[in-house]
Each structure stands twice: as C-alpha cells, then as structure tokens.
Protein backbone atom coordinates (compact mmCIF):
# COMPACT_ATOMS: atom_id res chain seq x y z
CA MET A 1 -59.34 -58.38 -18.26
CA SER A 2 -60.92 -57.07 -21.13
CA ALA A 3 -58.89 -56.08 -24.28
CA THR A 4 -60.40 -52.18 -24.07
CA TYR A 5 -59.14 -52.40 -20.69
CA SER A 6 -56.17 -53.61 -21.21
CA GLU A 7 -55.52 -50.86 -23.87
CA LEU A 8 -56.70 -47.93 -21.10
CA LEU A 9 -54.04 -48.90 -19.02
CA ASP A 10 -51.32 -49.11 -20.89
CA ALA A 11 -52.67 -45.58 -22.21
CA THR A 12 -52.59 -43.87 -18.58
CA ILE A 13 -49.43 -45.54 -17.94
CA GLN A 14 -47.49 -43.91 -21.02
CA HIS A 15 -49.73 -40.84 -20.67
CA LEU A 16 -48.26 -40.45 -16.97
CA GLU A 17 -44.64 -41.65 -18.13
CA ALA A 18 -44.97 -38.55 -20.97
CA LEU A 19 -45.46 -36.55 -18.05
CA LYS A 20 -42.80 -37.41 -16.06
CA SER A 21 -40.40 -36.74 -18.49
CA ARG A 22 -41.78 -33.39 -18.98
CA GLY A 23 -41.16 -32.80 -15.22
CA ALA A 24 -44.13 -33.56 -13.73
CA ARG A 25 -43.90 -34.68 -10.81
CA SER A 26 -47.85 -35.23 -10.05
CA VAL A 27 -51.53 -35.11 -11.41
CA ALA A 28 -54.42 -33.75 -9.60
CA VAL A 29 -57.05 -36.89 -9.46
CA SER A 30 -60.48 -36.65 -8.13
CA ALA A 31 -62.21 -38.53 -5.58
CA GLU A 32 -65.01 -39.83 -7.81
CA THR A 33 -61.74 -41.58 -9.97
CA LEU A 34 -59.53 -43.14 -6.49
CA ARG A 35 -62.79 -45.17 -6.05
CA SER A 36 -63.58 -46.01 -8.89
CA LEU A 37 -59.71 -47.17 -9.10
CA SER A 38 -59.71 -48.95 -5.93
CA GLN A 39 -62.85 -51.52 -7.35
CA PRO A 40 -61.89 -54.14 -9.68
CA ALA A 41 -61.80 -53.56 -13.15
CA PRO A 42 -65.05 -53.01 -15.44
CA LYS A 43 -64.86 -55.02 -18.43
CA ALA A 44 -65.73 -52.63 -20.86
CA PRO A 45 -64.67 -48.49 -19.21
CA ALA A 46 -65.51 -45.91 -21.54
CA ILE A 47 -62.32 -44.50 -21.86
CA SER A 48 -64.03 -41.00 -22.99
CA ASN A 49 -65.52 -41.14 -19.32
CA PHE A 50 -61.97 -42.22 -17.66
CA LYS A 51 -60.79 -39.41 -19.43
CA SER A 52 -62.55 -37.09 -18.06
CA GLN A 53 -61.65 -37.16 -14.49
CA ILE A 54 -58.30 -36.77 -14.99
CA GLN A 55 -57.32 -33.43 -14.48
CA PRO A 56 -54.80 -31.62 -16.42
CA VAL A 57 -51.75 -30.91 -15.22
CA THR A 58 -50.46 -27.11 -16.12
CA ALA A 59 -47.34 -27.09 -14.58
CA PRO A 60 -45.07 -28.91 -12.84
CA ALA A 61 -45.06 -30.26 -9.35
CA VAL A 62 -42.47 -28.67 -7.88
CA PRO A 63 -42.70 -27.85 -3.92
CA SER A 64 -42.56 -24.20 -3.38
CA LYS A 65 -39.84 -21.90 -2.93
CA PRO A 66 -39.33 -21.72 0.80
CA THR A 67 -39.33 -18.22 2.31
CA GLY A 68 -39.28 -16.84 5.51
CA ASP A 69 -36.59 -13.97 7.52
CA ASN A 70 -34.24 -16.70 8.94
CA SER A 71 -32.31 -18.21 6.51
CA PRO A 72 -31.69 -21.84 6.79
CA SER A 73 -29.36 -23.45 8.30
CA PRO A 74 -28.17 -27.26 8.81
CA GLY A 75 -28.08 -28.10 12.82
CA GLY A 76 -29.87 -24.74 13.72
CA GLU A 77 -31.70 -24.56 16.69
CA GLY A 78 -34.88 -22.14 17.05
CA ARG A 79 -35.75 -19.67 14.68
CA GLY A 80 -32.32 -18.26 15.11
CA GLU A 81 -29.42 -17.83 12.80
CA GLY A 82 -29.20 -20.18 10.71
CA GLU A 83 -32.04 -22.36 10.75
CA LEU A 84 -33.60 -24.18 8.05
CA VAL A 85 -36.86 -23.14 7.06
CA THR A 86 -39.76 -26.35 6.69
CA ALA A 87 -42.66 -26.11 4.52
CA GLU A 88 -44.26 -24.62 7.49
CA GLY A 89 -42.35 -21.66 7.29
CA ARG A 90 -44.05 -20.65 4.15
CA GLY A 91 -45.35 -17.29 3.58
CA SER A 92 -49.30 -17.41 2.82
CA ASP A 93 -48.51 -16.00 -0.61
CA GLN A 94 -46.75 -18.91 -1.47
CA PRO A 95 -48.46 -22.02 -3.54
CA VAL A 96 -48.06 -25.34 -1.93
CA HIS A 97 -48.87 -27.92 -4.63
CA GLY A 98 -51.49 -30.31 -2.72
CA LYS A 99 -50.50 -33.91 -2.08
CA VAL A 100 -52.20 -36.22 -4.33
CA GLN A 101 -52.57 -39.62 -4.43
CA PRO A 102 -50.11 -41.79 -6.29
CA ILE A 103 -50.41 -43.44 -9.52
CA ARG A 104 -47.68 -45.90 -9.79
CA ASN A 105 -46.61 -48.52 -12.24
CA PRO A 106 -48.14 -51.72 -10.52
CA GLN A 107 -45.10 -53.83 -11.29
CA LYS A 108 -42.88 -51.52 -10.01
CA ALA A 109 -44.88 -51.23 -7.07
CA ALA A 110 -44.23 -55.13 -6.52
CA ALA A 111 -41.08 -55.38 -7.84
CA PHE A 112 -40.76 -52.84 -4.96
CA ALA A 113 -42.31 -54.89 -2.69
CA ALA A 114 -40.41 -58.02 -2.92
CA LEU A 115 -37.13 -56.38 -2.76
CA ARG A 116 -38.04 -55.22 0.23
CA GLU A 117 -39.38 -58.55 1.71
CA ARG A 118 -35.83 -60.48 0.75
CA VAL A 119 -34.49 -57.81 2.31
CA MET A 120 -35.74 -57.83 5.48
CA ALA A 121 -35.63 -61.59 6.16
CA CYS A 122 -31.90 -61.15 4.91
CA VAL A 123 -29.48 -62.95 7.16
CA LYS A 124 -26.09 -62.51 4.82
CA CYS A 125 -23.85 -61.10 7.96
CA GLU A 126 -24.72 -63.34 10.43
CA HIS A 127 -23.46 -60.98 12.98
CA LEU A 128 -25.15 -57.99 11.90
CA ALA A 129 -28.21 -60.24 11.65
CA SER A 130 -28.39 -61.44 15.08
CA SER A 131 -27.73 -58.24 17.12
CA ARG A 132 -29.87 -55.62 14.81
CA LYS A 133 -33.50 -54.51 15.87
CA ASN A 134 -34.38 -54.21 12.69
CA VAL A 135 -33.74 -54.43 8.86
CA VAL A 136 -33.14 -50.84 7.87
CA PHE A 137 -34.42 -50.89 3.95
CA GLY A 138 -35.22 -47.29 2.79
CA VAL A 139 -38.08 -44.72 3.02
CA GLY A 140 -39.42 -42.30 0.43
CA ASN A 141 -40.68 -41.96 -2.85
CA ILE A 142 -40.01 -44.86 -5.31
CA ASP A 143 -40.58 -42.56 -7.94
CA ALA A 144 -38.61 -39.95 -6.60
CA GLN A 145 -35.82 -37.99 -8.60
CA LEU A 146 -33.34 -37.63 -5.73
CA MET A 147 -32.09 -40.04 -3.62
CA PHE A 148 -29.62 -39.57 -0.38
CA VAL A 149 -27.68 -42.23 0.19
CA GLY A 150 -25.71 -43.07 3.23
CA GLU A 151 -23.25 -45.82 4.74
CA ALA A 152 -25.37 -46.80 7.27
CA PRO A 153 -28.23 -47.33 9.99
CA GLY A 154 -27.21 -46.35 13.73
CA ALA A 155 -28.57 -47.07 16.90
CA ASP A 156 -31.90 -44.63 16.41
CA GLU A 157 -32.07 -46.05 12.82
CA ASP A 158 -31.93 -49.80 14.20
CA ILE A 159 -34.62 -48.81 16.83
CA GLN A 160 -37.05 -47.31 14.47
CA GLY A 161 -36.48 -49.22 11.06
CA GLU A 162 -35.82 -46.15 9.46
CA PRO A 163 -32.78 -44.10 7.98
CA PHE A 164 -31.41 -41.11 9.30
CA VAL A 165 -34.16 -40.41 11.94
CA GLY A 166 -31.57 -39.05 14.74
CA ARG A 167 -30.10 -36.08 15.00
CA ALA A 168 -28.23 -36.19 11.79
CA GLY A 169 -31.79 -37.41 10.22
CA GLU A 170 -33.54 -34.78 11.62
CA LEU A 171 -30.67 -31.86 10.37
CA LEU A 172 -30.75 -34.04 6.42
CA THR A 173 -34.81 -33.44 7.01
CA LYS A 174 -34.01 -29.58 7.37
CA ILE A 175 -31.76 -29.75 4.00
CA ILE A 176 -34.11 -31.41 2.11
CA GLN A 177 -36.70 -29.00 2.59
CA ALA A 178 -34.49 -25.43 2.56
CA MET A 179 -34.22 -27.43 -1.36
CA GLY A 180 -38.48 -26.83 -1.77
CA LEU A 181 -38.78 -30.44 -0.84
CA GLN A 182 -40.12 -33.06 1.54
CA ARG A 183 -39.03 -36.40 2.79
CA SER A 184 -41.70 -37.89 0.85
CA ASP A 185 -41.02 -36.47 -2.68
CA VAL A 186 -37.12 -37.94 -2.24
CA TYR A 187 -35.92 -41.27 -0.96
CA ILE A 188 -32.99 -42.03 1.36
CA ALA A 189 -31.72 -45.36 2.23
CA ASN A 190 -28.23 -46.62 3.06
CA ILE A 191 -25.37 -49.29 1.77
CA LEU A 192 -25.36 -51.25 5.07
CA LYS A 193 -29.07 -52.25 5.57
CA CYS A 194 -28.12 -53.12 9.62
CA ARG A 195 -26.26 -51.29 12.09
CA PRO A 196 -22.96 -52.68 12.28
CA ASP A 197 -22.50 -54.84 15.35
CA THR A 198 -20.28 -53.02 18.34
CA PRO A 199 -20.01 -55.91 20.78
CA GLY A 200 -18.30 -54.76 24.07
CA GLN A 201 -19.19 -51.34 23.37
CA THR A 202 -23.11 -50.04 25.33
CA SER A 203 -23.05 -46.80 22.49
CA GLY A 204 -21.31 -45.37 19.79
CA ASN A 205 -21.40 -47.05 15.97
CA ARG A 206 -18.39 -48.39 13.72
CA LYS A 207 -17.73 -48.20 10.82
CA PRO A 208 -18.72 -50.85 7.90
CA THR A 209 -16.10 -53.02 6.93
CA PRO A 210 -15.60 -53.28 3.18
CA GLU A 211 -16.77 -56.61 3.34
CA GLU A 212 -19.83 -55.67 4.74
CA MET A 213 -20.69 -52.37 2.36
CA ALA A 214 -19.74 -55.25 -1.01
CA THR A 215 -22.14 -57.90 1.01
CA CYS A 216 -25.37 -55.38 1.06
CA ILE A 217 -24.39 -53.35 -1.94
CA PRO A 218 -26.45 -55.08 -4.54
CA TYR A 219 -29.51 -54.48 -2.24
CA LEU A 220 -29.13 -50.86 -3.30
CA HIS A 221 -28.22 -51.41 -6.38
CA GLU A 222 -31.13 -52.91 -7.31
CA GLN A 223 -33.26 -50.00 -5.35
CA ILE A 224 -31.47 -47.56 -7.71
CA ASP A 225 -32.54 -49.46 -10.61
CA LEU A 226 -35.90 -49.42 -9.96
CA ILE A 227 -36.52 -45.74 -8.53
CA GLN A 228 -34.22 -44.63 -11.53
CA PRO A 229 -33.37 -41.70 -9.83
CA ARG A 230 -32.40 -38.49 -12.01
CA VAL A 231 -29.70 -37.56 -9.35
CA LEU A 232 -27.94 -39.18 -6.37
CA VAL A 233 -26.19 -37.87 -3.23
CA ALA A 234 -23.63 -39.51 -1.65
CA LEU A 235 -23.57 -38.16 2.45
CA GLY A 236 -19.57 -38.91 3.57
CA ALA A 237 -16.27 -40.32 3.26
CA THR A 238 -17.70 -43.48 3.76
CA ALA A 239 -20.45 -43.51 1.78
CA ILE A 240 -18.47 -42.51 -0.98
CA GLU A 241 -16.19 -45.14 -0.29
CA GLY A 242 -18.30 -47.64 -0.89
CA LEU A 243 -19.98 -46.48 -3.84
CA LEU A 244 -16.66 -45.46 -5.40
CA GLY A 245 -14.01 -47.69 -3.97
CA LYS A 246 -10.89 -46.14 -2.41
CA THR A 247 -11.08 -42.49 -3.23
CA LEU A 248 -8.84 -39.14 -2.80
CA GLY A 249 -11.57 -38.38 0.35
CA ILE A 250 -14.50 -36.21 0.70
CA MET A 251 -12.74 -33.13 1.01
CA LYS A 252 -11.47 -33.42 -2.39
CA LEU A 253 -14.44 -35.00 -3.78
CA ARG A 254 -17.31 -33.36 -2.43
CA GLY A 255 -18.92 -30.55 -4.85
CA ASN A 256 -17.64 -32.65 -7.86
CA TRP A 257 -19.77 -34.19 -10.56
CA LYS A 258 -19.17 -37.84 -10.69
CA THR A 259 -21.05 -40.58 -12.30
CA TYR A 260 -22.55 -44.20 -10.64
CA ARG A 261 -24.02 -46.59 -12.59
CA GLY A 262 -25.23 -44.42 -15.22
CA THR A 263 -26.19 -41.86 -12.64
CA PRO A 264 -25.31 -38.03 -11.57
CA LEU A 265 -23.54 -38.56 -8.07
CA MET A 266 -22.62 -35.55 -5.84
CA PRO A 267 -19.98 -36.58 -2.85
CA THR A 268 -21.24 -34.09 -0.50
CA PHE A 269 -20.61 -34.13 3.61
CA HIS A 270 -22.55 -36.05 6.07
CA PRO A 271 -25.11 -34.50 7.90
CA ALA A 272 -23.31 -35.66 11.30
CA TYR A 273 -20.22 -33.33 10.33
CA LEU A 274 -22.33 -30.50 10.22
CA LEU A 275 -23.38 -31.18 13.35
CA ARG A 276 -19.66 -31.30 15.41
CA ASN A 277 -18.45 -28.74 12.97
CA GLN A 278 -20.92 -25.78 12.87
CA ALA A 279 -18.95 -23.09 10.93
CA MET A 280 -21.13 -20.86 8.53
CA THR A 281 -17.74 -21.78 6.19
CA GLU A 282 -18.78 -25.96 6.05
CA LYS A 283 -22.34 -25.45 6.04
CA ARG A 284 -22.29 -23.27 2.75
CA LYS A 285 -20.04 -25.54 1.20
CA VAL A 286 -23.24 -28.41 1.74
CA TRP A 287 -25.45 -26.06 0.51
CA GLU A 288 -23.90 -25.25 -2.49
CA ASP A 289 -23.33 -28.76 -3.02
CA MET A 290 -27.87 -29.01 -2.84
CA LEU A 291 -27.57 -26.28 -5.55
CA SER A 292 -25.92 -27.48 -7.93
CA VAL A 293 -27.87 -30.62 -7.37
CA MET A 294 -31.15 -28.46 -7.97
CA GLU A 295 -29.86 -27.04 -10.58
CA LYS A 296 -29.41 -30.54 -12.38
CA LEU A 297 -32.58 -30.99 -11.32
CA GLU A 298 -33.83 -27.84 -13.35
CA MET A 299 -35.40 -26.75 -9.73
CA PRO A 300 -36.34 -22.85 -9.27
CA ILE A 301 -33.99 -21.80 -7.21
CA SER A 302 -34.37 -18.32 -5.56
CA ASP A 303 -32.16 -15.37 -4.74
CA LYS A 304 -32.65 -15.88 -1.04
CA GLN A 305 -31.94 -19.79 -1.55
CA ARG A 306 -28.61 -18.79 -3.49
CA ASN A 307 -27.65 -16.16 -0.48
CA PHE A 308 -28.29 -18.90 2.68
CA PHE A 309 -24.60 -18.98 4.64
CA THR A 310 -22.94 -16.02 2.99
CA ARG A 311 -22.18 -12.90 4.76
CA GLY A 312 -24.93 -10.95 5.55
CA SER A 313 -27.23 -13.84 4.35
C-alpha cells in the first residue's frame, strides 16, 4: 500500500470519527465509491477525486419520529390501543433516512469477527455447550450508540442463534421502533451466550447461575469495549444482577441511572415482564426509562412520544 493511500485512509477515518463525535450516524456514499472500495487499493489515488465522491453530511442521521394515530404499547396486538408504531407506520410527510453502506474501521470489524469466532467455539461451561443448539453471540450495529443487554437466550433464541427473537424479542423490537430506531441501529446481546440447560424439563427457562454469568461475562465486556456505546440498557433483574452484582432489586433500581465500565447504564424491566403484566402503569414506567435514554443520547422526542401511556394517549 502506498504512503499516499495510507495517508488518505487515515484522513478519511479521522474525518468519519469526527462526524460520529458530532452525532452523525451515516454518510451518503455514491455507487461509484462503493464499487471503488471493493477493488484493490490503487497505488496513488487522487485525494481530491476521492473526496468529491463523498457527499457532505448535512445533519446527524437520526431516524425519524414515529407517527400515526395509535399510541405505541409494548406487547399490543393488531392496530388497536397501545400498539407500538413501526417504521412502516410513519406518515408520508415524515423523512426517512435511507440506508447507506457503513464505512467501518477495518481493525474494529476484524477484532469483532475474531471475538465472535472465539465465542462461537467456547466450551467453558461443558453442561451448556453440550445442551445448546446455537451460541447466541449478539446482533446489531457494532458502531451503535445504544446497546441492550439481557440475561440469557431462551428456547427461540437457542434455535435461531439470535438474541430476543421470541415474543419478548418482538416486544423489544417494537420498543426500539417507538424510539424512532430499528434493530439494525442498536446492538443487542446477553450476559450468557448459551441457553441455560433445563435437564428433565420439556419447556421453560431457568435463571443463569452467578458462576455461569461470571464465566461468560468477559465476552460481553469485550463487546462493550469494541462497540463503545454511549448508553447501555439492562433488561430485567437478572441482567442487572449480572452487571452490578447484588442489588436492591429491579423495582427500586429501574429508571435510575447507573454507570457500568464507564458507560451510563439504565436498568429497566425485561420485555417478558410486560407480557405478563400489561398494565398501562407498567408500560409507562418502561417508556419513561426509554425517554430518559433518548434524552441522554440527545435524540429528538415528539410531544406524542412524551405522552405515550398517559391518560388520553
């Protein structure tokens, strides 16, 4: 690789990191540039020509606010009261930022791929390795500003190899969409990467043991250190216990900011709790936690969003 190309690459990375620090989440890249990036590195590219192919970022690419006549509600069915509005439900007058090919730090992507390879081959907990169908590494944007952390995979996650894909996962997706984001904008992981075994049981899940979480949590630490999210959300009492140790309990901790490995952490209820208890007051508690997260991330919040799960909403 020529010195000129190396200098260009370093300058481009620095420029993108500066944009990210100012809140930008994507840049517009022409098809010609994408084709060029897929080719072997040229010996002496012209910096001026390369720069001309990168469109300027006019504003941080924050997804549009959800709109619609129905108030979003975790766990709601159909299009009735309390449903979470998805991106597809936005009005035509709302701008929707187009998806562009991300330009990532190749060293970060390589480190993440190497971590995934190690986790997928892990057999530290022999009883879990022998009973699992899949290792559930995590899913989402490795440059995400927001990261959700659960406790462990369930039966659906074990089958599909992806966290939060069952009923609780569908509800989490709706919550993310109500915030004006997509699953692809955030990162979702669990403390435990394997489903806790349930010998003698034909269904159901069990809580991970402290020993299992202690064995597996270094992998989560590496994920957090590589992603470097601005905010973490801990989903449920077990996730909070795994991250913070013995705690006062989810009822007292949810909604109160903590710090984990230098990153602001918001404890909140697990989506499965809202499936069991669909009272409007409980949905409002979780939504208040998400509003606090949005404020921490300096995301735009509409009056409609602020009033979700209040009387008359």
